[in-house]
Amino acid sequence: MSCHPDEAEAIRRGLDGFRFFGYSLGYYALFGEHRPGRAELWERFLQVKDRLPDNAGRGGIGTPDQLREHLARYEKAGIDQVMFIQQSGANRHEDICQSLEIFASRVMPEFKERERIRAAEKQRELAPFIEAALARKPRMAPVAETDIPRIEAFGRKAPSPLLTSDRGGAISIPTADPLAAG
């Protein structure tokens, strides 16, 4: 999320992180090969970021009014949780803090009261299932460095089901490795 009263500033501060998130989804799920914790994904992204397609929407990047409108559409569709990525890319700590403060003071209040009632109902309904799941969760021992396998992206094994989208809010996800294209 990048929330700022000036739309151009919100885009300047947030677009690279938004695009990096989409690129990383493509890398890990469709075209990459990596060793967990060892890939130099940011450096790969920097080589191709200006060649990645843009799309009609940018989700949580914009003015408070734009973000409020964006989230109201999700709420109307019945979506009750939205996760914003702030630390994706090279976002400055000060910009992230300012964005969060603007969002909290100018966007959240409208949703907060309705959410309080809905969340209490949801918590009561799910509590026994959450408790049972946590009770049966096994704990794992640390893994040796030599035991970390190389993992090939699922998309390298079959054609990608992803198509380009002109719908607002979608993250542009490359379906092939832009670095392999030359």
Protein backbone atom coordinates (compact mmCIF):
# COMPACT_ATOMS: atom_id res chain seq x y z
CA MET A 1 0.00 0.00 0.00
CA SER A 2 1.13 3.51 -0.74
CA CYS A 3 -1.32 6.13 0.51
CA HIS A 4 -0.57 9.81 0.01
CA PRO A 5 -2.74 12.91 -0.58
CA ASP A 6 -0.90 13.43 -3.89
CA GLU A 7 -1.62 10.54 -6.29
CA ALA A 8 1.64 11.02 -8.23
CA GLU A 9 3.64 10.82 -4.99
CA ALA A 10 1.77 7.68 -3.89
CA ILE A 11 2.66 6.08 -7.23
CA ARG A 12 6.28 7.21 -7.06
CA ARG A 13 6.65 5.76 -3.58
CA GLY A 14 4.75 2.52 -4.12
CA LEU A 15 4.86 1.32 -7.72
CA ASP A 16 8.27 -0.38 -7.69
CA GLY A 17 7.35 -2.37 -4.59
CA PHE A 18 4.00 -3.31 -6.13
CA ARG A 19 5.68 -4.46 -9.33
CA PHE A 20 8.40 -6.32 -7.40
CA PHE A 21 5.73 -8.23 -5.53
CA GLY A 22 4.12 -9.30 -8.83
CA TYR A 23 7.50 -10.21 -10.30
CA SER A 24 8.37 -12.31 -7.25
CA LEU A 25 5.05 -14.17 -7.51
CA GLY A 26 5.86 -15.03 -11.13
CA TYR A 27 9.42 -16.04 -10.24
CA TYR A 28 8.48 -18.35 -7.39
CA ALA A 29 5.33 -19.81 -8.93
CA LEU A 30 5.85 -19.84 -12.69
CA PHE A 31 9.32 -19.43 -14.15
CA GLY A 32 12.08 -19.31 -11.54
CA GLU A 33 14.48 -21.77 -10.03
CA HIS A 34 15.89 -20.95 -6.65
CA ARG A 35 17.32 -22.12 -3.38
CA PRO A 36 15.18 -20.78 -0.54
CA GLY A 37 16.85 -17.80 1.07
CA ARG A 38 19.59 -17.63 -1.58
CA ALA A 39 17.98 -16.09 -4.70
CA GLU A 40 19.00 -12.55 -5.70
CA LEU A 41 15.48 -11.66 -6.71
CA TRP A 42 15.72 -7.87 -6.24
CA GLU A 43 18.70 -7.64 -8.58
CA ARG A 44 16.86 -9.71 -11.21
CA PHE A 45 13.81 -7.46 -10.85
CA LEU A 46 15.86 -4.27 -11.31
CA GLN A 47 17.08 -5.59 -14.66
CA VAL A 48 13.54 -5.99 -16.02
CA LYS A 49 11.27 -3.65 -14.02
CA ASP A 50 10.82 -1.12 -16.83
CA ARG A 51 9.88 -3.89 -19.28
CA LEU A 52 7.12 -5.34 -17.10
CA PRO A 53 3.60 -4.54 -18.29
CA ASP A 54 1.47 -2.11 -16.35
CA ASN A 55 -2.22 -2.77 -15.86
CA ALA A 56 -5.37 -0.78 -15.36
CA GLY A 57 -5.37 -0.80 -11.57
CA ARG A 58 -2.83 -0.48 -8.84
CA GLY A 59 -4.79 -1.75 -5.89
CA GLY A 60 -3.62 -0.03 -2.74
CA ILE A 61 -1.67 2.80 -4.38
CA GLY A 62 -3.30 6.22 -4.44
CA THR A 63 -4.96 8.96 -2.46
CA PRO A 64 -7.06 8.28 0.65
CA ASP A 65 -10.22 8.71 -1.44
CA GLN A 66 -8.96 6.24 -4.06
CA LEU A 67 -8.05 3.64 -1.43
CA ARG A 68 -11.37 4.10 0.37
CA GLU A 69 -13.24 3.51 -2.91
CA HIS A 70 -11.05 0.49 -3.73
CA LEU A 71 -11.66 -1.12 -0.32
CA ALA A 72 -15.39 -0.35 -0.36
CA ARG A 73 -15.71 -2.46 -3.52
CA TYR A 74 -14.08 -5.39 -1.72
CA GLU A 75 -16.27 -4.90 1.35
CA LYS A 76 -19.39 -4.82 -0.83
CA ALA A 77 -18.31 -8.12 -2.41
CA GLY A 78 -18.05 -9.72 1.04
CA ILE A 79 -14.28 -9.66 1.42
CA ASP A 80 -13.52 -9.09 5.07
CA GLN A 81 -9.72 -9.08 5.12
CA VAL A 82 -7.22 -7.32 2.89
CA MET A 83 -3.47 -7.54 3.27
CA PHE A 84 -1.29 -4.70 2.02
CA ILE A 85 2.39 -5.22 1.33
CA GLN A 86 4.46 -2.22 2.41
CA GLN A 87 7.95 -3.63 2.69
CA SER A 88 8.17 -5.04 -0.84
CA GLY A 89 10.97 -3.39 -2.76
CA ALA A 90 13.10 -0.49 -1.57
CA ASN A 91 10.44 1.55 0.19
CA ARG A 92 11.80 4.07 2.70
CA HIS A 93 10.81 3.53 6.34
CA GLU A 94 9.65 7.15 6.66
CA ASP A 95 7.40 6.81 3.59
CA ILE A 96 5.90 3.58 4.92
CA CYS A 97 5.18 5.19 8.30
CA GLN A 98 3.63 8.26 6.68
CA SER A 99 1.48 6.08 4.41
CA LEU A 100 0.26 4.05 7.37
CA GLU A 101 -0.55 7.20 9.36
CA ILE A 102 -2.52 8.71 6.47
CA PHE A 103 -4.35 5.43 5.88
CA ALA A 104 -5.17 5.03 9.58
CA SER A 105 -6.48 8.56 9.98
CA ARG A 106 -8.26 9.10 6.66
CA VAL A 107 -9.33 5.69 5.34
CA MET A 108 -9.78 3.22 8.20
CA PRO A 109 -12.33 5.04 10.36
CA GLU A 110 -15.11 4.47 7.83
CA PHE A 111 -14.59 0.70 7.94
CA LYS A 112 -13.67 0.25 11.58
CA GLU A 113 -17.11 0.29 13.26
CA ARG A 114 -18.68 -2.10 10.75
CA GLU A 115 -15.69 -4.39 11.10
CA ARG A 116 -15.89 -4.57 14.90
CA ILE A 117 -19.31 -6.27 14.78
CA ARG A 118 -18.43 -8.61 11.91
CA ALA A 119 -15.11 -9.66 13.50
CA ALA A 120 -16.74 -10.57 16.82
CA GLU A 121 -19.25 -12.80 15.04
CA LYS A 122 -16.53 -14.43 12.96
CA GLN A 123 -14.29 -15.04 16.02
CA ARG A 124 -17.08 -16.77 17.94
CA GLU A 125 -17.84 -19.01 14.97
CA LEU A 126 -14.23 -20.02 14.21
CA ALA A 127 -12.76 -20.30 17.75
CA PRO A 128 -13.26 -24.06 18.26
CA PHE A 129 -11.79 -24.87 14.84
CA ILE A 130 -8.72 -22.68 15.36
CA GLU A 131 -8.07 -24.19 18.80
CA ALA A 132 -8.29 -27.73 17.40
CA ALA A 133 -5.95 -26.93 14.48
CA LEU A 134 -3.30 -25.36 16.73
CA ALA A 135 -3.46 -28.29 19.17
CA ARG A 136 -2.55 -30.79 16.44
CA LYS A 137 0.17 -28.69 14.76
CA PRO A 138 3.57 -30.47 14.84
CA ARG A 139 6.78 -28.51 15.48
CA MET A 140 9.71 -28.89 13.06
CA ALA A 141 13.44 -29.16 13.90
CA PRO A 142 15.90 -26.73 12.18
CA VAL A 143 16.97 -27.76 8.65
CA ALA A 144 20.65 -28.18 7.70
CA GLU A 145 21.94 -25.92 4.87
CA THR A 146 22.77 -28.98 2.74
CA ASP A 147 19.20 -30.22 3.07
CA ILE A 148 17.67 -27.11 1.41
CA PRO A 149 16.62 -28.27 -2.07
CA ARG A 150 16.43 -26.33 -5.31
CA ILE A 151 12.78 -25.74 -6.13
CA GLU A 152 11.63 -25.28 -9.68
CA ALA A 153 8.63 -22.99 -10.21
CA PHE A 154 5.43 -24.93 -10.88
CA GLY A 155 4.94 -22.98 -14.09
CA ARG A 156 8.08 -24.52 -15.58
CA LYS A 157 6.32 -27.89 -15.56
CA ALA A 158 3.12 -26.87 -17.39
CA PRO A 159 1.72 -23.93 -19.37
CA SER A 160 0.69 -20.98 -17.20
CA PRO A 161 -3.04 -20.60 -16.61
CA LEU A 162 -2.51 -16.86 -16.12
CA LEU A 163 -3.68 -14.46 -18.77
CA THR A 164 -3.16 -10.74 -18.86
CA SER A 165 -5.86 -8.74 -17.16
CA ASP A 166 -7.13 -5.24 -17.73
CA ARG A 167 -9.11 -5.29 -14.48
CA GLY A 168 -8.21 -2.76 -11.83
CA GLY A 169 -6.31 -3.84 -8.75
CA ALA A 170 -4.60 -6.84 -10.29
CA ILE A 171 -0.85 -7.26 -9.95
CA SER A 172 0.99 -7.77 -13.21
CA ILE A 173 2.69 -11.18 -12.91
CA PRO A 174 5.22 -12.18 -15.57
CA THR A 175 4.48 -15.70 -16.91
CA ALA A 176 7.99 -16.21 -18.29
CA ASP A 177 11.43 -15.14 -17.04
CA PRO A 178 12.11 -11.67 -18.49
CA LEU A 179 15.85 -12.26 -18.01
CA ALA A 180 15.74 -15.41 -20.11
CA ALA A 181 14.19 -13.43 -22.99
CA GLY A 182 17.40 -11.49 -23.35
